[in-house]
């Protein structure tokens, strides 16, 4: 009889483990080469709160006056939704910064949390801009809807980054 109890406990623990997996982090990484010196590109990119000037998917952006860790920017997306992001790291000398989602809005952007970074590298008078992000889908439950699943999150983040890089290139070339 003890062996039946042991089997039941093992089966019960396996079923709980299988159902409780949750979401896995997703990634998006894109880059573009801009035919402009790194100083010119950085002068545009480095203004954390001014992203609406070059990202066509953002109609308005505002935020703190400084580019210091903890600075916050608010974005109005072209679909009318809003997001709030916080600057984690900023380096003029390394031509890079990283930031994170501070306030989610899964109706506007199907991601529940993200971190992202933008890094510039000079190459023969041109600038390589790399933008990458790590994020979770909009619905972190075990059975997300199609609108808020991993594929929707990857598609939204990848398109957002590509659109931003293309907008930056158009602004500077």
N, C-alpha and C. Protein backbone atom coordinates (compact mmCIF):
# COMPACT_ATOMS: atom_id res chain seq x y z
N UNK A 1 0.81 -1.20 0.00
CA UNK A 1 0.00 0.00 0.00
C UNK A 1 0.86 1.27 0.00
N UNK A 2 2.03 1.19 0.68
CA UNK A 2 2.91 2.36 0.73
C UNK A 2 3.40 2.73 -0.67
N UNK A 3 3.65 1.75 -1.50
CA UNK A 3 4.14 2.04 -2.84
C UNK A 3 3.10 2.75 -3.67
N UNK A 4 1.80 2.48 -3.44
CA UNK A 4 0.74 3.21 -4.14
C UNK A 4 0.72 4.68 -3.72
N UNK A 5 0.90 4.94 -2.45
CA UNK A 5 0.95 6.32 -1.95
C UNK A 5 2.14 7.05 -2.56
N UNK A 6 3.27 6.36 -2.63
CA UNK A 6 4.48 6.97 -3.19
C UNK A 6 4.27 7.30 -4.67
N UNK A 7 3.66 6.39 -5.43
CA UNK A 7 3.39 6.63 -6.85
C UNK A 7 2.43 7.80 -7.01
N UNK A 8 1.41 7.86 -6.20
CA UNK A 8 0.44 8.96 -6.27
C UNK A 8 1.12 10.30 -6.00
N UNK A 9 1.98 10.36 -5.01
CA UNK A 9 2.70 11.60 -4.69
C UNK A 9 3.61 11.99 -5.85
N UNK A 10 4.31 11.03 -6.44
CA UNK A 10 5.19 11.33 -7.58
C UNK A 10 4.39 11.86 -8.77
N UNK A 11 3.27 11.21 -9.08
CA UNK A 11 2.44 11.67 -10.19
C UNK A 11 1.88 13.06 -9.94
N UNK A 12 1.47 13.31 -8.72
CA UNK A 12 0.92 14.62 -8.36
C UNK A 12 1.99 15.71 -8.50
N UNK A 13 3.19 15.45 -8.06
CA UNK A 13 4.26 16.45 -8.15
C UNK A 13 4.65 16.70 -9.60
N UNK A 14 4.64 15.68 -10.44
CA UNK A 14 4.96 15.85 -11.85
C UNK A 14 3.91 16.71 -12.53
N UNK A 15 2.64 16.49 -12.23
CA UNK A 15 1.59 17.28 -12.88
C UNK A 15 1.68 18.75 -12.46
N UNK A 16 2.03 19.03 -11.23
CA UNK A 16 2.19 20.42 -10.80
C UNK A 16 3.38 21.08 -11.49
N UNK A 17 4.46 20.34 -11.65
CA UNK A 17 5.66 20.87 -12.28
C UNK A 17 5.39 21.20 -13.75
N UNK A 18 4.70 20.35 -14.46
CA UNK A 18 4.42 20.56 -15.86
C UNK A 18 3.53 21.77 -16.07
N UNK A 19 2.53 21.98 -15.22
CA UNK A 19 1.58 23.08 -15.39
C UNK A 19 2.13 24.42 -14.93
N UNK A 20 3.19 24.44 -14.16
CA UNK A 20 3.65 25.69 -13.55
C UNK A 20 4.93 26.22 -14.17
N UNK A 21 5.08 26.10 -15.47
CA UNK A 21 6.33 26.51 -16.10
C UNK A 21 6.43 28.01 -16.34
N UNK A 22 5.36 28.70 -16.66
CA UNK A 22 5.39 30.14 -16.89
C UNK A 22 6.14 30.53 -18.14
N UNK A 23 6.28 31.82 -18.39
CA UNK A 23 6.92 32.30 -19.61
C UNK A 23 8.45 32.21 -19.54
N UNK A 24 9.06 32.18 -20.70
CA UNK A 24 10.51 32.24 -20.78
C UNK A 24 10.88 33.58 -21.41
N UNK A 25 12.03 34.13 -21.05
CA UNK A 25 12.43 35.41 -21.64
C UNK A 25 12.66 35.27 -23.14
N UNK A 26 12.27 36.28 -23.87
CA UNK A 26 12.45 36.35 -25.31
C UNK A 26 13.50 37.42 -25.61
N UNK A 27 14.04 37.40 -26.82
CA UNK A 27 15.07 38.38 -27.19
C UNK A 27 14.82 38.91 -28.59
N UNK A 28 15.22 40.15 -28.79
CA UNK A 28 15.22 40.76 -30.12
C UNK A 28 16.51 41.56 -30.23
N UNK A 29 17.15 41.46 -31.38
CA UNK A 29 18.40 42.20 -31.60
C UNK A 29 18.46 42.60 -33.06
N UNK A 30 18.64 43.87 -33.29
CA UNK A 30 18.73 44.41 -34.64
C UNK A 30 19.88 45.41 -34.69
N UNK A 31 20.40 45.63 -35.88
CA UNK A 31 21.44 46.64 -36.05
C UNK A 31 21.31 47.27 -37.42
N UNK A 32 21.94 48.43 -37.55
CA UNK A 32 21.93 49.15 -38.82
C UNK A 32 23.22 49.96 -38.91
N UNK A 33 23.72 50.15 -40.12
CA UNK A 33 24.89 51.00 -40.33
C UNK A 33 24.39 52.33 -40.89
N UNK A 34 24.83 53.40 -40.26
CA UNK A 34 24.44 54.75 -40.67
C UNK A 34 25.68 55.44 -41.22
N UNK A 35 25.54 56.02 -42.38
CA UNK A 35 26.65 56.70 -43.05
C UNK A 35 26.83 58.10 -42.45
N UNK A 36 27.31 58.11 -41.23
CA UNK A 36 27.56 59.36 -40.49
C UNK A 36 28.55 59.03 -39.37
N UNK A 37 29.36 60.00 -38.97
CA UNK A 37 30.31 59.76 -37.87
C UNK A 37 29.58 59.50 -36.56
N UNK A 38 30.22 58.76 -35.68
CA UNK A 38 29.61 58.34 -34.42
C UNK A 38 29.16 59.54 -33.57
N UNK A 39 29.91 60.63 -33.59
CA UNK A 39 29.53 61.81 -32.80
C UNK A 39 28.20 62.40 -33.25
N UNK A 40 27.98 62.42 -34.56
CA UNK A 40 26.73 62.96 -35.09
C UNK A 40 25.55 62.06 -34.72
N UNK A 41 25.75 60.74 -34.82
CA UNK A 41 24.68 59.80 -34.49
C UNK A 41 24.40 59.85 -32.98
N UNK A 42 25.45 59.85 -32.18
CA UNK A 42 25.28 59.88 -30.73
C UNK A 42 24.58 61.16 -30.28
N UNK A 43 24.84 62.26 -30.92
CA UNK A 43 24.19 63.53 -30.55
C UNK A 43 22.66 63.42 -30.64
N UNK A 44 22.17 62.58 -31.54
CA UNK A 44 20.73 62.37 -31.69
C UNK A 44 20.23 61.29 -30.73
N UNK A 45 20.92 60.16 -30.70
CA UNK A 45 20.48 59.00 -29.91
C UNK A 45 20.57 59.25 -28.41
N UNK A 46 21.57 59.98 -27.97
CA UNK A 46 21.85 60.08 -26.54
C UNK A 46 20.78 60.80 -25.73
N UNK A 47 19.96 61.59 -26.38
CA UNK A 47 18.91 62.31 -25.65
C UNK A 47 17.76 61.35 -25.38
N UNK A 48 17.82 60.69 -24.24
CA UNK A 48 16.89 59.63 -23.86
C UNK A 48 15.43 60.04 -24.02
N UNK A 49 15.11 61.24 -23.60
CA UNK A 49 13.71 61.67 -23.64
C UNK A 49 13.25 62.15 -25.02
N UNK A 50 14.16 62.25 -25.99
CA UNK A 50 13.84 62.82 -27.31
C UNK A 50 13.65 61.76 -28.40
N UNK A 51 13.37 60.55 -28.04
CA UNK A 51 13.26 59.46 -29.02
C UNK A 51 12.17 59.72 -30.08
N UNK A 52 11.15 60.47 -29.75
CA UNK A 52 10.07 60.75 -30.72
C UNK A 52 10.57 61.56 -31.91
N UNK A 53 11.71 62.22 -31.78
CA UNK A 53 12.25 63.00 -32.89
C UNK A 53 12.73 62.12 -34.04
N UNK A 54 13.05 60.86 -33.75
CA UNK A 54 13.57 60.00 -34.81
C UNK A 54 12.88 58.64 -34.92
N UNK A 55 12.08 58.25 -33.95
CA UNK A 55 11.39 56.96 -34.02
C UNK A 55 9.97 57.16 -34.55
N UNK A 56 9.67 56.68 -35.76
CA UNK A 56 8.35 56.92 -36.35
C UNK A 56 7.19 56.23 -35.63
N UNK A 57 7.46 55.28 -34.77
CA UNK A 57 6.41 54.59 -34.02
C UNK A 57 6.02 55.31 -32.74
N UNK A 58 6.69 56.43 -32.47
CA UNK A 58 6.42 57.21 -31.25
C UNK A 58 6.02 58.61 -31.67
N UNK A 59 4.83 59.02 -31.28
CA UNK A 59 4.34 60.35 -31.67
C UNK A 59 4.75 61.44 -30.70
N UNK A 60 5.02 61.04 -29.46
CA UNK A 60 5.42 62.03 -28.45
C UNK A 60 6.25 61.36 -27.37
N UNK A 61 7.28 62.08 -26.90
CA UNK A 61 8.07 61.59 -25.77
C UNK A 61 8.44 62.77 -24.89
N UNK A 62 8.49 62.49 -23.61
CA UNK A 62 8.87 63.53 -22.64
C UNK A 62 9.55 62.84 -21.47
N UNK A 63 10.23 63.63 -20.67
CA UNK A 63 10.88 63.02 -19.52
C UNK A 63 11.78 63.97 -18.78
N UNK A 64 12.58 63.38 -17.91
CA UNK A 64 13.53 64.13 -17.11
C UNK A 64 14.55 64.82 -18.02
N UNK A 65 15.10 65.90 -17.55
CA UNK A 65 16.07 66.68 -18.34
C UNK A 65 17.44 66.02 -18.40
N UNK A 66 17.73 65.11 -17.49
CA UNK A 66 19.07 64.52 -17.45
C UNK A 66 19.10 63.14 -18.09
N UNK A 67 20.30 62.71 -18.40
CA UNK A 67 20.52 61.36 -18.91
C UNK A 67 21.24 60.55 -17.83
N UNK A 68 20.71 60.55 -16.64
CA UNK A 68 21.31 59.83 -15.53
C UNK A 68 20.45 58.63 -15.18
N UNK A 69 21.08 57.60 -14.61
CA UNK A 69 20.33 56.42 -14.18
C UNK A 69 19.16 56.86 -13.31
N UNK A 70 18.02 56.29 -13.57
CA UNK A 70 16.81 56.65 -12.85
C UNK A 70 15.93 57.64 -13.60
N UNK A 71 16.48 58.29 -14.63
CA UNK A 71 15.66 59.21 -15.44
C UNK A 71 14.51 58.44 -16.05
N UNK A 72 13.38 59.10 -16.19
CA UNK A 72 12.17 58.46 -16.71
C UNK A 72 11.71 59.17 -17.97
N UNK A 73 11.25 58.40 -18.95
CA UNK A 73 10.63 59.00 -20.13
C UNK A 73 9.26 58.36 -20.34
N UNK A 74 8.35 59.17 -20.85
CA UNK A 74 7.01 58.71 -21.17
C UNK A 74 6.85 58.77 -22.68
N UNK A 75 6.34 57.69 -23.24
CA UNK A 75 6.18 57.58 -24.67
C UNK A 75 4.71 57.46 -25.05
N UNK A 76 4.32 58.15 -26.10
CA UNK A 76 3.01 57.94 -26.71
C UNK A 76 3.27 57.26 -28.04
N UNK A 77 2.76 56.05 -28.18
CA UNK A 77 2.97 55.27 -29.38
C UNK A 77 2.01 55.69 -30.48
N UNK A 78 2.35 55.36 -31.70
CA UNK A 78 1.49 55.75 -32.84
C UNK A 78 0.11 55.11 -32.77
N UNK A 79 -0.06 54.03 -32.00
CA UNK A 79 -1.38 53.42 -31.83
C UNK A 79 -2.18 54.08 -30.70
N UNK A 80 -1.62 55.14 -30.11
CA UNK A 80 -2.30 55.88 -29.06
C UNK A 80 -1.98 55.41 -27.65
N UNK A 81 -1.35 54.27 -27.51
CA UNK A 81 -0.98 53.76 -26.19
C UNK A 81 0.21 54.49 -25.61
N UNK A 82 0.40 54.35 -24.32
CA UNK A 82 1.53 54.99 -23.64
C UNK A 82 2.35 53.96 -22.87
N UNK A 83 3.64 54.24 -22.77
CA UNK A 83 4.57 53.43 -21.99
C UNK A 83 5.44 54.37 -21.17
N UNK A 84 5.98 53.86 -20.10
CA UNK A 84 6.92 54.62 -19.29
C UNK A 84 8.16 53.77 -19.11
N UNK A 85 9.33 54.38 -19.38
CA UNK A 85 10.61 53.68 -19.29
C UNK A 85 11.56 54.41 -18.35
N UNK A 86 12.49 53.66 -17.80
CA UNK A 86 13.46 54.20 -16.86
C UNK A 86 14.88 53.87 -17.33
N UNK A 87 15.75 54.86 -17.29
CA UNK A 87 17.14 54.70 -17.71
C UNK A 87 17.92 53.98 -16.61
N UNK A 88 18.62 52.90 -16.99
CA UNK A 88 19.42 52.13 -16.03
C UNK A 88 20.89 52.52 -16.07
N UNK A 89 21.41 52.71 -17.28
CA UNK A 89 22.84 52.95 -17.46
C UNK A 89 23.01 53.91 -18.63
N UNK A 90 23.96 54.82 -18.51
CA UNK A 90 24.22 55.79 -19.56
C UNK A 90 25.71 56.09 -19.59
N UNK A 91 26.32 56.03 -20.78
CA UNK A 91 27.75 56.33 -20.90
C UNK A 91 28.03 57.08 -22.19
N UNK A 92 28.39 58.36 -22.04
CA UNK A 92 28.81 59.16 -23.20
C UNK A 92 30.07 58.58 -23.83
N UNK A 93 31.02 58.17 -22.99
CA UNK A 93 32.30 57.69 -23.50
C UNK A 93 32.19 56.35 -24.23
N UNK A 94 31.22 55.52 -23.86
CA UNK A 94 31.03 54.22 -24.52
C UNK A 94 29.94 54.26 -25.58
N UNK A 95 29.28 55.41 -25.74
CA UNK A 95 28.20 55.58 -26.72
C UNK A 95 27.11 54.52 -26.52
N UNK A 96 26.64 54.41 -25.31
CA UNK A 96 25.58 53.43 -25.06
C UNK A 96 24.74 53.80 -23.85
N UNK A 97 23.52 53.26 -23.84
CA UNK A 97 22.68 53.31 -22.65
C UNK A 97 21.75 52.12 -22.63
N UNK A 98 21.24 51.82 -21.44
CA UNK A 98 20.26 50.75 -21.29
C UNK A 98 19.12 51.27 -20.44
N UNK A 99 17.96 50.68 -20.67
CA UNK A 99 16.74 51.14 -19.99
C UNK A 99 15.78 49.97 -19.83
N UNK A 100 14.71 50.22 -19.08
CA UNK A 100 13.72 49.17 -18.82
C UNK A 100 12.31 49.75 -18.83
N UNK A 101 11.35 48.86 -19.05
CA UNK A 101 9.95 49.24 -18.96
C UNK A 101 9.62 49.48 -17.50
N UNK A 102 9.06 50.63 -17.22
CA UNK A 102 8.69 50.97 -15.85
C UNK A 102 7.20 50.71 -15.62
N UNK A 103 6.37 51.08 -16.58
CA UNK A 103 4.93 50.90 -16.47
C UNK A 103 4.44 50.20 -17.73
N UNK A 104 3.92 48.99 -17.57
CA UNK A 104 3.47 48.23 -18.74
C UNK A 104 2.09 48.67 -19.22
N UNK A 105 1.82 48.35 -20.48
CA UNK A 105 0.52 48.61 -21.10
C UNK A 105 0.37 47.58 -22.21
N UNK A 106 -0.08 46.37 -21.85
CA UNK A 106 -0.11 45.27 -22.80
C UNK A 106 -1.13 45.49 -23.92
N UNK A 107 -2.09 46.37 -23.73
CA UNK A 107 -3.01 46.68 -24.82
C UNK A 107 -2.29 47.48 -25.92
N UNK A 108 -1.36 48.31 -25.54
CA UNK A 108 -0.61 49.13 -26.50
C UNK A 108 0.61 48.41 -27.05
N UNK A 109 1.23 47.57 -26.23
CA UNK A 109 2.46 46.88 -26.60
C UNK A 109 2.45 45.54 -25.88
N UNK A 110 2.38 44.40 -26.58
CA UNK A 110 2.11 43.10 -25.96
C UNK A 110 3.29 42.48 -25.20
N UNK A 111 3.90 43.26 -24.35
CA UNK A 111 5.05 42.83 -23.57
C UNK A 111 4.82 43.24 -22.12
N UNK A 112 5.08 42.33 -21.18
CA UNK A 112 4.83 42.65 -19.77
C UNK A 112 6.03 43.30 -19.10
N UNK A 113 7.22 43.04 -19.61
CA UNK A 113 8.43 43.63 -19.03
C UNK A 113 9.54 43.55 -20.08
N UNK A 114 10.41 44.55 -20.11
CA UNK A 114 11.58 44.47 -20.97
C UNK A 114 12.72 45.30 -20.44
N UNK A 115 13.92 44.90 -20.85
CA UNK A 115 15.11 45.73 -20.72
C UNK A 115 15.65 45.85 -22.14
N UNK A 116 16.31 46.95 -22.41
CA UNK A 116 16.85 47.18 -23.75
C UNK A 116 18.11 48.01 -23.66
N UNK A 117 18.91 47.93 -24.71
CA UNK A 117 20.11 48.76 -24.76
C UNK A 117 20.38 49.17 -26.20
N UNK A 118 20.98 50.34 -26.32
CA UNK A 118 21.41 50.86 -27.60
C UNK A 118 22.91 51.15 -27.48
N UNK A 119 23.69 50.64 -28.44
CA UNK A 119 25.14 50.83 -28.43
C UNK A 119 25.61 51.22 -29.82
N UNK A 120 26.48 52.21 -29.88
CA UNK A 120 27.05 52.69 -31.14
C UNK A 120 28.52 52.30 -31.20
N UNK A 121 28.95 51.92 -32.41
CA UNK A 121 30.35 51.59 -32.66
C UNK A 121 30.75 52.23 -33.98
N UNK A 122 31.92 52.85 -33.99
CA UNK A 122 32.39 53.51 -35.21
C UNK A 122 33.18 52.52 -36.07
N UNK A 123 32.98 52.63 -37.40
CA UNK A 123 33.68 51.76 -38.32
C UNK A 123 33.89 52.52 -39.63
N UNK A 124 35.12 52.95 -39.89
CA UNK A 124 35.48 53.66 -41.14
C UNK A 124 34.59 54.88 -41.41
N UNK A 125 34.37 55.68 -40.40
CA UNK A 125 33.59 56.90 -40.57
C UNK A 125 32.09 56.69 -40.57
N UNK A 126 31.66 55.45 -40.48
CA UNK A 126 30.24 55.12 -40.39
C UNK A 126 29.96 54.65 -38.97
N UNK A 127 28.68 54.54 -38.65
CA UNK A 127 28.31 54.13 -37.29
C UNK A 127 27.40 52.91 -37.32
N UNK A 128 27.79 51.89 -36.59
CA UNK A 128 26.96 50.72 -36.38
C UNK A 128 26.12 50.96 -35.13
N UNK A 129 24.81 50.89 -35.28
CA UNK A 129 23.90 51.06 -34.15
C UNK A 129 23.29 49.69 -33.85
N UNK A 130 23.51 49.21 -32.63
CA UNK A 130 22.95 47.94 -32.20
C UNK A 130 21.91 48.20 -31.11
N UNK A 131 20.75 47.60 -31.27
CA UNK A 131 19.66 47.77 -30.32
C UNK A 131 19.18 46.38 -29.98
N UNK A 132 19.21 46.04 -28.71
CA UNK A 132 18.76 44.71 -28.31
C UNK A 132 17.84 44.81 -27.10
N UNK A 133 17.03 43.78 -26.95
CA UNK A 133 16.07 43.77 -25.85
C UNK A 133 15.84 42.35 -25.37
N UNK A 134 15.55 42.24 -24.10
CA UNK A 134 15.14 40.99 -23.46
C UNK A 134 13.80 41.28 -22.82
N UNK A 135 12.82 40.41 -23.00
CA UNK A 135 11.46 40.75 -22.58
C UNK A 135 10.62 39.50 -22.33
N UNK A 136 9.45 39.73 -21.74
CA UNK A 136 8.46 38.69 -21.50
C UNK A 136 7.17 39.04 -22.22
N UNK A 137 6.47 38.04 -22.64
CA UNK A 137 5.19 38.23 -23.33
C UNK A 137 4.21 38.99 -22.46
N UNK A 138 3.17 39.51 -23.10
CA UNK A 138 2.17 40.31 -22.40
C UNK A 138 1.37 39.55 -21.37
N UNK A 139 1.05 38.30 -21.63
CA UNK A 139 0.31 37.46 -20.69
C UNK A 139 1.30 36.44 -20.13
N UNK A 140 1.65 36.58 -18.88
CA UNK A 140 2.65 35.69 -18.28
C UNK A 140 2.05 34.42 -17.71
N UNK A 141 0.76 34.21 -17.93
CA UNK A 141 0.13 32.97 -17.49
C UNK A 141 0.53 31.80 -18.37
N UNK A 142 0.05 30.62 -18.03
CA UNK A 142 0.41 29.41 -18.77
C UNK A 142 -0.27 29.28 -20.12
N UNK A 143 -1.39 29.95 -20.32
CA UNK A 143 -2.14 29.81 -21.56
C UNK A 143 -2.49 31.19 -22.12
N UNK A 144 -1.49 31.91 -22.65
CA UNK A 144 -1.74 33.26 -23.14
C UNK A 144 -2.58 33.25 -24.42
N UNK A 145 -3.32 34.32 -24.62
CA UNK A 145 -4.06 34.48 -25.86
C UNK A 145 -3.06 34.74 -26.99
N UNK A 146 -3.51 34.59 -28.22
CA UNK A 146 -2.63 34.81 -29.37
C UNK A 146 -2.09 36.24 -29.40
N UNK A 147 -2.89 37.18 -28.94
CA UNK A 147 -2.49 38.59 -28.93
C UNK A 147 -1.36 38.89 -27.93
N UNK A 148 -1.24 38.04 -26.90
CA UNK A 148 -0.27 38.31 -25.84
C UNK A 148 0.72 37.16 -25.62
N UNK A 149 0.92 36.32 -26.63
CA UNK A 149 1.83 35.20 -26.48
C UNK A 149 3.27 35.58 -26.87
N UNK A 150 4.17 34.61 -26.82
CA UNK A 150 5.58 34.86 -27.14
C UNK A 150 5.76 35.39 -28.56
N UNK A 151 5.07 34.78 -29.51
CA UNK A 151 5.22 35.20 -30.92
C UNK A 151 4.78 36.65 -31.11
N UNK A 152 3.69 37.04 -30.48
CA UNK A 152 3.21 38.43 -30.58
C UNK A 152 4.21 39.39 -29.96
N UNK A 153 4.80 39.00 -28.84
CA UNK A 153 5.79 39.85 -28.17
C UNK A 153 7.05 40.01 -29.01
N UNK A 154 7.55 38.91 -29.56
CA UNK A 154 8.75 38.95 -30.39
C UNK A 154 8.50 39.81 -31.63
N UNK A 155 7.36 39.61 -32.26
CA UNK A 155 7.03 40.38 -33.46
C UNK A 155 6.95 41.88 -33.14
N UNK A 156 6.25 42.23 -32.07
CA UNK A 156 6.09 43.64 -31.70
C UNK A 156 7.44 44.29 -31.36
N UNK A 157 8.26 43.61 -30.57
CA UNK A 157 9.54 44.19 -30.17
C UNK A 157 10.47 44.30 -31.37
N UNK A 158 10.54 43.27 -32.19
CA UNK A 158 11.42 43.30 -33.36
C UNK A 158 11.01 44.41 -34.33
N UNK A 159 9.72 44.54 -34.58
CA UNK A 159 9.24 45.59 -35.48
C UNK A 159 9.49 46.98 -34.89
N UNK A 160 9.32 47.13 -33.58
CA UNK A 160 9.56 48.42 -32.93
C UNK A 160 11.02 48.83 -33.07
N UNK A 161 11.93 47.89 -32.84
CA UNK A 161 13.36 48.18 -32.95
C UNK A 161 13.74 48.49 -34.39
N UNK A 162 13.29 47.67 -35.34
CA UNK A 162 13.60 47.91 -36.76
C UNK A 162 13.09 49.27 -37.21
N UNK A 163 11.86 49.59 -36.83
CA UNK A 163 11.26 50.87 -37.21
C UNK A 163 12.09 52.03 -36.63
N UNK A 164 12.53 51.89 -35.40
CA UNK A 164 13.35 52.92 -34.78
C UNK A 164 14.69 53.10 -35.48
N UNK A 165 15.35 52.00 -35.80
CA UNK A 165 16.64 52.07 -36.50
C UNK A 165 16.49 52.70 -37.88
N UNK A 166 15.45 52.32 -38.60
CA UNK A 166 15.22 52.90 -39.92
C UNK A 166 14.91 54.40 -39.82
N UNK A 167 14.15 54.78 -38.78
CA UNK A 167 13.85 56.20 -38.56
C UNK A 167 15.11 56.99 -38.24
N UNK A 168 15.99 56.41 -37.44
CA UNK A 168 17.25 57.06 -37.09
C UNK A 168 18.11 57.24 -38.34
N UNK A 169 18.19 56.22 -39.15
CA UNK A 169 18.98 56.30 -40.39
C UNK A 169 18.42 57.40 -41.31
N UNK A 170 17.11 57.44 -41.45
CA UNK A 170 16.48 58.46 -42.29
C UNK A 170 16.73 59.87 -41.76
N UNK A 171 16.78 60.01 -40.44
CA UNK A 171 17.02 61.31 -39.80
C UNK A 171 18.44 61.80 -40.06
N UNK A 172 19.39 60.88 -40.14
CA UNK A 172 20.80 61.25 -40.18
C UNK A 172 21.48 61.17 -41.54
N UNK A 173 20.89 60.50 -42.49
CA UNK A 173 21.55 60.39 -43.80
C UNK A 173 20.90 61.30 -44.81
